[in-house]
Amino acid sequence: MNTAMIDIWYAEAAKPSANAPGPLDVRGVILEVGLEEGLDVLAAFGDGRARYLNHSGNVVIWEGGEGPVAELAAALIESAKPIAENIGVHDGERPPAPPAGSMRISVLTESGLHFGQGPMSAFGSHPMAAPVLDAGVTLMGALVEMR
């Protein structure tokens, strides 16, 4: 998987806007899932854009606007707000991709990157991670249906 595109997404979401949000306003959410076959990445941004990169190399890009995908992107961002409010800003460079069997939830705010990473099995029942995972699965399904 080419991580340059993921790096660009992180940088894109961190750019200040003319209407600069408060320090914990969520600008984007990136879910990275480590699989034996590679890395799946789902990203949603505050302007309604969304991207899904499958480990196989297939890519789905939604450029925003109105409609169901934009609403699902907004729901994913909303679900990640507790992570930004409860996990401090990461100090340093973005860590490498999570290994197989693990996932990372990255929440991009004006103040920086907040993230949690761990085994997939722990995320489904974690009180902050489970809603993000559920919203991400729903958004991913909508993006895949667009292909």
Protein backbone atom coordinates (compact mmCIF):
# COMPACT_ATOMS: atom_id res chain seq x y z
CA MET A 1 0.00 0.00 0.00
CA ASN A 2 1.32 3.42 -0.91
CA THR A 3 1.32 5.37 2.36
CA ALA A 4 2.03 8.68 0.59
CA MET A 5 -1.69 9.10 -0.12
CA ILE A 6 -2.50 8.52 3.53
CA ASP A 7 0.13 11.09 4.54
CA ILE A 8 -1.51 13.58 2.19
CA TRP A 9 -4.92 12.92 3.76
CA TYR A 10 -3.50 13.63 7.21
CA ALA A 11 -1.93 16.86 6.01
CA GLU A 12 -5.04 17.90 4.08
CA ALA A 13 -7.31 17.54 7.08
CA ALA A 14 -4.91 19.45 9.31
CA LYS A 15 -4.87 22.57 7.09
CA PRO A 16 -6.47 25.57 8.78
CA SER A 17 -9.58 26.94 7.10
CA ALA A 18 -10.93 30.46 6.81
CA ASN A 19 -13.42 29.54 9.53
CA ALA A 20 -10.85 28.04 11.87
CA PRO A 21 -12.50 25.54 14.23
CA GLY A 22 -11.86 25.26 17.94
CA PRO A 23 -8.99 23.07 19.10
CA LEU A 24 -11.11 19.89 19.37
CA ASP A 25 -13.35 20.36 16.36
CA VAL A 26 -12.93 17.19 14.34
CA ARG A 27 -11.78 17.88 10.78
CA GLY A 28 -11.40 14.28 9.69
CA VAL A 29 -11.25 10.64 10.76
CA ILE A 30 -9.02 7.95 9.29
CA LEU A 31 -9.50 4.26 10.07
CA GLU A 32 -6.62 1.94 9.23
CA VAL A 33 -7.13 -1.81 9.48
CA GLY A 34 -4.14 -4.13 9.29
CA LEU A 35 -4.90 -7.35 7.43
CA GLU A 36 -2.69 -10.29 6.48
CA GLU A 37 -3.20 -9.21 2.85
CA GLY A 38 -2.34 -5.55 3.45
CA LEU A 39 -3.97 -2.40 4.78
CA ASP A 40 -7.54 -1.13 4.40
CA VAL A 41 -7.98 2.62 4.92
CA LEU A 42 -11.19 4.64 5.26
CA ALA A 43 -11.15 8.41 5.57
CA ALA A 44 -13.93 10.96 6.12
CA PHE A 45 -13.50 14.72 6.19
CA GLY A 46 -15.57 17.57 7.59
CA ASP A 47 -16.47 18.87 4.14
CA GLY A 48 -18.23 15.60 3.27
CA ARG A 49 -15.38 14.00 1.31
CA ALA A 50 -14.63 10.32 1.88
CA ARG A 51 -12.11 7.80 0.59
CA TYR A 52 -11.74 4.06 0.86
CA LEU A 53 -8.55 2.23 -0.11
CA ASN A 54 -8.87 -1.52 -0.12
CA HIS A 55 -5.79 -3.66 0.50
CA SER A 56 -6.22 -5.04 -3.04
CA GLY A 57 -5.52 -1.61 -4.52
CA ASN A 58 -9.11 -0.69 -5.34
CA VAL A 59 -9.98 2.89 -4.41
CA VAL A 60 -13.31 4.69 -4.01
CA ILE A 61 -13.32 8.50 -3.76
CA TRP A 62 -16.31 10.65 -2.83
CA GLU A 63 -15.67 14.36 -3.37
CA GLY A 64 -18.36 15.65 -1.03
CA GLY A 65 -21.53 17.51 -1.55
CA GLU A 66 -24.88 16.48 -0.24
CA GLY A 67 -26.43 13.06 -0.06
CA PRO A 68 -26.22 9.81 1.86
CA VAL A 69 -22.43 9.39 1.66
CA ALA A 70 -21.80 12.92 2.96
CA GLU A 71 -24.25 12.24 5.80
CA LEU A 72 -22.46 8.99 6.67
CA ALA A 73 -19.10 10.82 6.59
CA ALA A 74 -20.55 13.39 9.02
CA ALA A 75 -21.82 10.58 11.26
CA LEU A 76 -18.34 9.02 11.36
CA ILE A 77 -16.81 12.37 12.31
CA GLU A 78 -19.43 12.91 15.03
CA SER A 79 -18.81 9.44 16.45
CA ALA A 80 -15.09 10.20 16.82
CA LYS A 81 -15.47 13.37 18.90
CA PRO A 82 -15.16 11.52 22.25
CA ILE A 83 -11.76 10.20 21.14
CA ALA A 84 -10.53 13.73 20.44
CA GLU A 85 -11.91 14.91 23.79
CA ASN A 86 -10.35 12.08 25.81
CA ILE A 87 -7.07 11.26 24.10
CA GLY A 88 -4.27 13.80 23.99
CA VAL A 89 -2.63 15.10 20.84
CA HIS A 90 0.03 12.78 19.45
CA ASP A 91 3.48 14.32 19.69
CA GLY A 92 5.67 13.23 16.83
CA GLU A 93 5.36 11.77 13.37
CA ARG A 94 2.48 9.54 12.38
CA PRO A 95 3.33 5.98 13.38
CA PRO A 96 3.66 3.23 10.77
CA ALA A 97 0.59 1.31 9.64
CA PRO A 98 -0.98 -1.00 12.20
CA PRO A 99 0.05 -4.66 11.90
CA ALA A 100 -2.30 -7.44 10.82
CA GLY A 101 -5.09 -7.96 13.33
CA SER A 102 -4.87 -4.38 14.61
CA MET A 103 -6.51 -1.11 13.73
CA ARG A 104 -5.97 2.58 14.31
CA ILE A 105 -8.57 5.30 14.66
CA SER A 106 -7.02 8.69 13.90
CA VAL A 107 -8.98 11.82 14.68
CA LEU A 108 -7.68 14.96 12.98
CA THR A 109 -8.32 18.25 14.76
CA GLU A 110 -6.99 21.79 14.49
CA SER A 111 -4.78 21.01 17.48
CA GLY A 112 -3.32 17.87 15.90
CA LEU A 113 -3.64 14.11 15.64
CA HIS A 114 -5.45 12.09 18.32
CA PHE A 115 -5.43 8.34 17.86
CA GLY A 116 -6.06 4.99 19.42
CA GLN A 117 -4.57 1.74 18.18
CA GLY A 118 -4.99 -1.84 19.26
CA PRO A 119 -6.27 -5.31 18.42
CA MET A 120 -9.41 -5.43 16.30
CA SER A 121 -11.05 -7.65 18.91
CA ALA A 122 -10.83 -4.88 21.53
CA PHE A 123 -12.33 -2.13 19.36
CA GLY A 124 -15.75 -3.71 18.91
CA SER A 125 -16.57 -3.48 22.61
CA HIS A 126 -14.63 -0.34 23.58
CA PRO A 127 -17.03 2.48 24.57
CA MET A 128 -15.25 5.13 22.46
CA ALA A 129 -14.08 2.93 19.59
CA ALA A 130 -17.19 0.81 18.93
CA PRO A 131 -19.38 3.71 17.67
CA VAL A 132 -16.56 4.84 15.37
CA LEU A 133 -16.10 1.31 14.06
CA ASP A 134 -19.86 0.95 13.45
CA ALA A 135 -20.06 4.31 11.63
CA GLY A 136 -16.96 3.39 9.59
CA VAL A 137 -18.38 0.05 8.50
CA THR A 138 -21.58 1.78 7.38
CA LEU A 139 -19.69 4.44 5.42
CA MET A 140 -17.39 1.84 3.85
CA GLY A 141 -20.41 -0.18 2.74
CA ALA A 142 -21.96 2.88 1.06
CA LEU A 143 -18.70 3.70 -0.72
CA VAL A 144 -18.24 0.12 -1.94
CA GLU A 145 -21.81 0.10 -3.30
CA MET A 146 -20.92 3.15 -5.42
CA ARG A 147 -18.22 1.23 -7.31
